[in-house]
């Protein structure tokens, strides 16, 4: 089955396609793409998601799943919204 791995960067993203056997886990797909624990740590990855829902390395994959490599938030989304609203005078 084919799985996509996505890493979002500010204003850009990187994507890798891997083929894994049926019954594979997130960890299997990351290994197939060459992502070791050390490489994930070097990229600042602090979590994983499948189609936007938090996942673990043991999560089972299905054909056409998208694994998202999550980085820590730079800013609190609520604070950012408040600043935008304040700058508009609302």
Protein backbone atom coordinates (compact mmCIF):
# COMPACT_ATOMS: atom_id res chain seq x y z
CA UNK A 1 0.00 0.00 0.00
CA UNK A 2 1.13 3.57 -0.63
CA UNK A 3 1.50 6.08 2.18
CA UNK A 4 2.50 9.74 2.11
CA UNK A 5 4.68 11.40 4.76
CA UNK A 6 4.39 15.19 5.04
CA UNK A 7 6.54 17.74 6.87
CA UNK A 8 5.13 21.27 6.96
CA UNK A 9 7.55 24.17 7.11
CA UNK A 10 6.63 27.86 7.26
CA UNK A 11 5.21 28.69 3.80
CA UNK A 12 6.32 25.32 2.31
CA UNK A 13 6.11 21.59 2.80
CA UNK A 14 8.02 18.43 1.91
CA UNK A 15 6.37 15.15 0.98
CA UNK A 16 7.61 11.58 0.57
CA UNK A 17 5.75 8.60 -0.89
CA UNK A 18 6.56 5.13 0.44
CA UNK A 19 5.19 1.67 -0.23
CA UNK A 20 4.69 -0.57 2.79
CA UNK A 21 3.07 -4.00 3.20
CA UNK A 22 -0.49 -4.42 4.48
CA UNK A 23 -0.60 -4.26 8.27
CA UNK A 24 2.32 -1.82 8.47
CA UNK A 25 2.52 0.77 11.22
CA UNK A 26 3.57 4.41 11.22
CA UNK A 27 7.01 3.29 12.47
CA UNK A 28 7.38 0.95 9.46
CA UNK A 29 6.56 3.76 7.03
CA UNK A 30 8.96 6.18 8.71
CA UNK A 31 11.71 3.57 8.57
CA UNK A 32 10.99 2.92 4.87
CA UNK A 33 11.38 6.67 4.21
CA UNK A 34 14.67 6.81 6.12
CA UNK A 35 13.40 8.65 9.19
CA UNK A 36 15.24 7.40 12.26
CA UNK A 37 14.51 8.67 15.74
CA UNK A 38 17.66 10.78 15.56
CA UNK A 39 16.62 12.37 12.26
CA UNK A 40 13.15 13.17 13.58
CA UNK A 41 14.70 14.76 16.68
CA UNK A 42 17.11 16.78 14.50
CA UNK A 43 14.14 18.10 12.52
CA UNK A 44 12.40 19.11 15.77
CA UNK A 45 9.53 16.66 15.31
CA UNK A 46 7.60 16.23 18.55
CA UNK A 47 4.55 14.30 17.35
CA UNK A 48 2.84 12.37 14.57
CA UNK A 49 -0.63 12.52 13.06
CA UNK A 50 -2.68 10.53 10.55
CA UNK A 51 -4.92 12.88 8.53
CA UNK A 52 -4.77 15.48 11.32
CA UNK A 53 -5.47 13.09 14.21
CA UNK A 54 -2.67 12.39 16.72
CA UNK A 55 -1.02 9.02 16.15
CA UNK A 56 1.71 6.88 17.68
CA UNK A 57 4.46 4.88 15.96
CA UNK A 58 2.33 1.77 16.61
CA UNK A 59 -0.74 3.15 14.78
CA UNK A 60 -1.89 0.88 11.94
CA UNK A 61 -1.85 2.29 8.42
CA UNK A 62 -4.33 1.96 5.59
CA UNK A 63 -3.78 2.52 1.88
CA UNK A 64 -3.44 6.21 0.97
CA UNK A 65 -2.91 7.36 4.57
CA UNK A 66 -1.04 10.62 5.15
CA UNK A 67 1.43 10.72 8.05
CA UNK A 68 2.08 14.25 9.25
CA UNK A 69 5.31 15.04 11.08
CA UNK A 70 4.41 17.60 13.75
CA UNK A 71 6.66 20.37 15.03
CA UNK A 72 6.04 22.39 18.20
CA UNK A 73 3.86 25.46 17.85
CA UNK A 74 5.82 28.69 17.54
CA UNK A 75 2.94 30.83 18.81
CA UNK A 76 -0.26 30.11 20.69
CA UNK A 77 -3.04 30.23 18.05
CA UNK A 78 -5.39 32.06 20.44
CA UNK A 79 -2.81 34.77 21.15
CA UNK A 80 -2.07 35.16 17.44
CA UNK A 81 -5.80 35.60 16.72
CA UNK A 82 -6.11 38.20 19.49
CA UNK A 83 -3.18 40.17 18.07
CA UNK A 84 -4.69 40.11 14.56
CA UNK A 85 -8.06 41.25 15.90
CA UNK A 86 -6.44 44.03 17.95
CA UNK A 87 -4.51 45.29 14.92
CA UNK A 88 -7.80 45.57 12.99
CA UNK A 89 -9.30 47.64 15.82
CA UNK A 90 -11.88 45.06 16.89
